[in-house]
Amino acid sequence: MIVETINLTRVYRLGSSEIRALRGVSLGVEEGTFTTILGPSGSGKSTLLHLIGLLDRPTSGRVLFRGRDTSLLSDRERRRLRLRNIGFVFQTFNLLPTLTALENVELPMALAGVRPPEQRRRAIRLLEEVGLGDRLHHRPSKLSVGEMQRVAVARALANGPSLIIADEPTGELDSKTGEEVLRLLKGLCEERGVTVLMATHDERAARLSDRTYRLLDGVLQG
């Protein structure tokens, strides 16, 4: 297993009220697989991905990364593990608008301490691999939504992660472009051996996956 969650709960407190986003979620993700978490909006999918991606901490329960209990890690250790092992693809792309496609892909490498010449070489290669070799110096405002998501996929691969977490990666895309992005993610599993964990509400997207979990009201259905 590359990732396991054990009886994971997340409770948000708003004044005197509580929102139980996750209720005892236990799941496992096998290395090199395409795994989908399927559920409607508000089911807790994004919360679960944020916990697995070490962007948040659970109220209770544990997240294991290759058997390592991440609850025992300091914030600095969590950041290092996340930066070097996990790539993220978000529904709204999260590209910096003032940077070119090339610079957006270089950014996580700069944060990881990669030397600038290697940043540039690797970023060009990744953008060429996702079909954007002719868009290197375009800013996000000059790209289509499909191209922006391809830049986001290239950025997620920048530090050679073993796990890609994709949160509704086709949510802003038309069906044809969304299918292209899904095939691109599927190819990462088949050609690179990268593990992809994707949250979606789209039953069609889940058909490409090796394993599908269903989440409803914070409870894992299977």
Protein backbone atom coordinates (compact mmCIF):
# COMPACT_ATOMS: atom_id res chain seq x y z
CA MET A 1 0.00 0.00 0.00
CA ILE A 2 1.21 3.48 -0.77
CA VAL A 3 -1.55 5.09 1.34
CA GLU A 4 -3.82 3.79 4.08
CA THR A 5 -6.33 5.67 6.20
CA ILE A 6 -7.44 4.18 9.49
CA ASN A 7 -10.75 5.25 11.04
CA LEU A 8 -10.28 8.79 9.76
CA THR A 9 -12.60 11.52 11.06
CA ARG A 10 -12.67 15.26 10.44
CA VAL A 11 -14.92 17.58 12.38
CA TYR A 12 -15.17 21.30 11.64
CA ARG A 13 -16.48 23.57 14.37
CA LEU A 14 -18.44 26.68 13.43
CA GLY A 15 -19.39 28.51 16.59
CA SER A 16 -21.48 26.13 18.65
CA SER A 17 -22.21 23.76 15.77
CA GLU A 18 -20.18 20.88 14.34
CA ILE A 19 -19.85 19.61 10.79
CA ARG A 20 -18.73 15.99 10.60
CA ALA A 21 -17.08 15.91 7.17
CA LEU A 22 -15.63 12.39 7.57
CA ARG A 23 -16.91 9.57 9.76
CA GLY A 24 -14.41 6.78 10.37
CA VAL A 25 -13.04 6.36 6.85
CA SER A 26 -10.65 3.42 6.35
CA LEU A 27 -9.28 2.68 2.88
CA GLY A 28 -6.13 1.52 1.12
CA VAL A 29 -4.56 2.61 -2.15
CA GLU A 30 -2.29 0.14 -3.92
CA GLU A 31 0.94 1.37 -5.48
CA GLY A 32 0.73 2.09 -9.20
CA THR A 33 -3.08 2.03 -9.41
CA PHE A 34 -5.71 4.50 -10.56
CA THR A 35 -8.12 4.77 -7.63
CA THR A 36 -11.30 6.86 -7.63
CA ILE A 37 -13.33 8.27 -4.75
CA LEU A 38 -16.80 8.81 -6.14
CA GLY A 39 -19.45 10.92 -4.48
CA PRO A 40 -21.66 14.01 -4.84
CA SER A 41 -20.65 17.51 -3.82
CA GLY A 42 -20.48 17.80 -0.04
CA SER A 43 -19.78 14.10 0.49
CA GLY A 44 -16.34 14.73 2.02
CA LYS A 45 -14.18 13.86 -1.01
CA SER A 46 -12.03 16.99 -0.93
CA THR A 47 -11.63 16.75 2.84
CA LEU A 48 -10.38 13.18 2.49
CA LEU A 49 -7.90 14.14 -0.24
CA HIS A 50 -6.60 17.05 1.82
CA LEU A 51 -5.92 14.69 4.71
CA ILE A 52 -4.25 12.07 2.52
CA GLY A 53 -2.21 14.81 0.84
CA LEU A 54 -1.05 16.14 4.24
CA LEU A 55 -2.64 19.52 3.64
CA ASP A 56 -4.72 19.11 6.80
CA ARG A 57 -4.74 16.99 9.95
CA PRO A 58 -7.59 14.67 10.97
CA THR A 59 -9.65 15.15 14.10
CA SER A 60 -8.93 11.49 14.84
CA GLY A 61 -7.58 8.47 13.01
CA ARG A 62 -4.37 8.03 11.05
CA VAL A 63 -2.95 8.44 7.56
CA LEU A 64 -0.12 6.05 6.70
CA PHE A 65 2.20 6.79 3.78
CA ARG A 66 4.06 3.61 2.84
CA GLY A 67 3.48 2.38 6.36
CA ARG A 68 4.73 5.58 7.97
CA ASP A 69 2.32 7.16 10.45
CA THR A 70 2.13 10.78 9.30
CA SER A 71 0.51 11.89 12.56
CA LEU A 72 3.92 11.46 14.20
CA LEU A 73 5.62 13.87 11.79
CA SER A 74 6.36 17.52 12.48
CA ASP A 75 4.95 20.17 10.16
CA ARG A 76 8.37 20.46 8.53
CA GLU A 77 8.60 16.70 7.97
CA ARG A 78 5.08 16.63 6.53
CA ARG A 79 5.94 19.45 4.14
CA ARG A 80 9.09 17.67 2.99
CA LEU A 81 7.25 14.38 2.44
CA ARG A 82 4.47 16.17 0.55
CA LEU A 83 6.84 18.18 -1.63
CA ARG A 84 8.95 15.19 -2.67
CA ASN A 85 6.32 12.46 -2.91
CA ILE A 86 2.91 13.95 -3.73
CA GLY A 87 1.69 15.98 -6.70
CA PHE A 88 -1.66 17.80 -6.79
CA VAL A 89 -4.10 18.52 -9.61
CA PHE A 90 -7.03 20.75 -8.64
CA GLN A 91 -10.36 21.47 -10.29
CA THR A 92 -9.53 25.17 -10.74
CA PHE A 93 -5.92 24.52 -11.81
CA ASN A 94 -4.33 26.83 -9.16
CA LEU A 95 -1.80 28.22 -11.63
CA LEU A 96 -0.12 31.51 -10.75
CA PRO A 97 -1.45 34.02 -13.31
CA THR A 98 1.73 36.11 -13.49
CA LEU A 99 3.92 33.11 -14.36
CA THR A 100 4.26 31.37 -17.72
CA ALA A 101 3.44 27.70 -18.15
CA LEU A 102 7.16 26.95 -17.89
CA GLU A 103 7.56 28.99 -14.70
CA ASN A 104 4.50 27.39 -13.09
CA VAL A 105 6.02 23.95 -13.63
CA GLU A 106 9.42 25.10 -12.38
CA LEU A 107 8.01 26.47 -9.11
CA PRO A 108 7.69 23.22 -7.10
CA MET A 109 11.20 22.27 -8.17
CA ALA A 110 12.51 25.59 -6.87
CA LEU A 111 10.79 24.91 -3.54
CA ALA A 112 12.48 21.48 -3.45
CA GLY A 113 15.91 22.99 -4.03
CA VAL A 114 16.42 21.77 -7.61
CA ARG A 115 19.11 23.76 -9.43
CA PRO A 116 17.74 26.24 -12.04
CA PRO A 117 19.24 24.55 -15.14
CA GLU A 118 17.66 21.23 -14.11
CA GLN A 119 14.36 22.99 -13.35
CA ARG A 120 14.25 24.40 -16.88
CA ARG A 121 15.26 21.12 -18.57
CA ARG A 122 12.73 19.07 -16.61
CA ALA A 123 9.89 21.59 -17.01
CA ILE A 124 10.35 21.74 -20.80
CA ARG A 125 10.35 17.95 -21.01
CA LEU A 126 7.19 17.62 -18.92
CA LEU A 127 5.30 20.26 -20.89
CA GLU A 128 6.31 18.55 -24.12
CA GLU A 129 5.05 15.24 -22.72
CA VAL A 130 1.59 16.72 -22.06
CA GLY A 131 1.47 18.24 -25.55
CA LEU A 132 2.33 21.85 -24.67
CA GLY A 133 5.80 22.21 -26.13
CA ASP A 134 4.55 25.21 -28.14
CA ARG A 135 2.97 26.92 -25.11
CA LEU A 136 5.98 27.17 -22.80
CA HIS A 137 5.95 30.96 -22.52
CA HIS A 138 2.20 31.50 -22.41
CA ARG A 139 0.58 32.75 -19.21
CA PRO A 140 -2.62 31.04 -18.00
CA SER A 141 -4.83 33.81 -19.46
CA LYS A 142 -3.57 32.84 -22.92
CA LEU A 143 -4.30 29.14 -22.49
CA SER A 144 -7.53 27.18 -22.89
CA VAL A 145 -8.97 25.47 -19.81
CA GLY A 146 -7.77 22.12 -21.13
CA GLU A 147 -4.26 23.50 -21.63
CA MET A 148 -4.28 24.95 -18.12
CA GLN A 149 -5.15 21.55 -16.68
CA ARG A 150 -2.33 19.99 -18.70
CA VAL A 151 0.08 22.52 -17.22
CA ALA A 152 -1.26 21.54 -13.80
CA VAL A 153 -0.57 17.87 -14.54
CA ALA A 154 2.98 18.72 -15.65
CA ARG A 155 3.47 20.76 -12.48
CA ALA A 156 2.20 17.86 -10.36
CA LEU A 157 4.92 15.68 -11.92
CA ALA A 158 7.70 18.21 -11.41
CA ASN A 159 9.40 16.55 -8.43
CA GLY A 160 8.87 12.97 -9.59
CA PRO A 161 6.10 12.08 -7.10
CA SER A 162 4.93 8.55 -6.45
CA LEU A 163 1.35 9.75 -5.80
CA ILE A 164 -0.81 12.19 -7.76
CA ILE A 165 -3.90 13.50 -5.97
CA ALA A 166 -6.50 14.86 -8.41
CA ASP A 167 -9.51 16.69 -6.96
CA GLU A 168 -12.31 16.88 -9.57
CA PRO A 169 -9.73 17.39 -12.36
CA THR A 170 -12.41 17.44 -15.07
CA GLY A 171 -14.88 19.65 -13.21
CA GLU A 172 -14.16 22.76 -15.29
CA LEU A 173 -13.74 20.95 -18.61
CA ASP A 174 -16.06 19.95 -21.43
CA SER A 175 -16.58 16.23 -21.96
CA LYS A 176 -14.02 15.86 -24.78
CA THR A 177 -11.27 17.79 -22.98
CA GLY A 178 -12.11 16.05 -19.72
CA GLU A 179 -11.70 12.66 -21.40
CA GLU A 180 -8.27 13.74 -22.68
CA VAL A 181 -7.15 14.75 -19.18
CA LEU A 182 -8.42 11.47 -17.73
CA ARG A 183 -6.52 9.49 -20.37
CA LEU A 184 -3.43 11.52 -19.52
CA LEU A 185 -3.77 10.64 -15.83
CA LYS A 186 -4.44 6.99 -16.66
CA GLY A 187 -1.29 6.98 -18.76
CA LEU A 188 0.76 8.07 -15.74
CA CYS A 189 -0.19 4.79 -14.05
CA GLU A 190 0.43 2.63 -17.06
CA GLU A 191 3.62 4.26 -18.37
CA ARG A 192 5.27 5.71 -15.28
CA GLY A 193 3.90 3.55 -12.48
CA VAL A 194 2.61 6.64 -10.70
CA THR A 195 -0.31 6.11 -8.31
CA VAL A 196 -3.30 8.35 -9.07
CA LEU A 197 -6.00 9.02 -6.45
CA MET A 198 -8.88 10.99 -7.94
CA ALA A 199 -12.06 12.42 -6.44
CA THR A 200 -14.99 12.92 -8.79
CA HIS A 201 -18.77 13.01 -8.93
CA ASP A 202 -18.75 11.73 -12.52
CA GLU A 203 -19.58 8.04 -12.93
CA ARG A 204 -18.02 8.06 -16.41
CA ALA A 205 -14.67 9.22 -15.02
CA ALA A 206 -14.67 6.38 -12.51
CA ARG A 207 -14.83 3.78 -15.30
CA LEU A 208 -11.13 4.24 -16.02
CA SER A 209 -10.11 3.41 -12.48
CA ASP A 210 -8.72 0.17 -11.10
CA ARG A 211 -10.62 0.60 -7.82
CA THR A 212 -13.57 2.83 -6.91
CA TYR A 213 -14.65 3.85 -3.43
CA ARG A 214 -17.97 5.58 -2.86
CA LEU A 215 -18.30 8.30 -0.25
CA LEU A 216 -21.61 9.67 0.99
CA ASP A 217 -22.09 12.09 3.88
CA GLY A 218 -18.57 11.35 5.09
CA VAL A 219 -19.11 7.58 5.20
CA LEU A 220 -17.27 5.16 2.91
CA GLN A 221 -19.71 2.89 1.11
CA GLY A 222 -17.26 0.37 -0.31
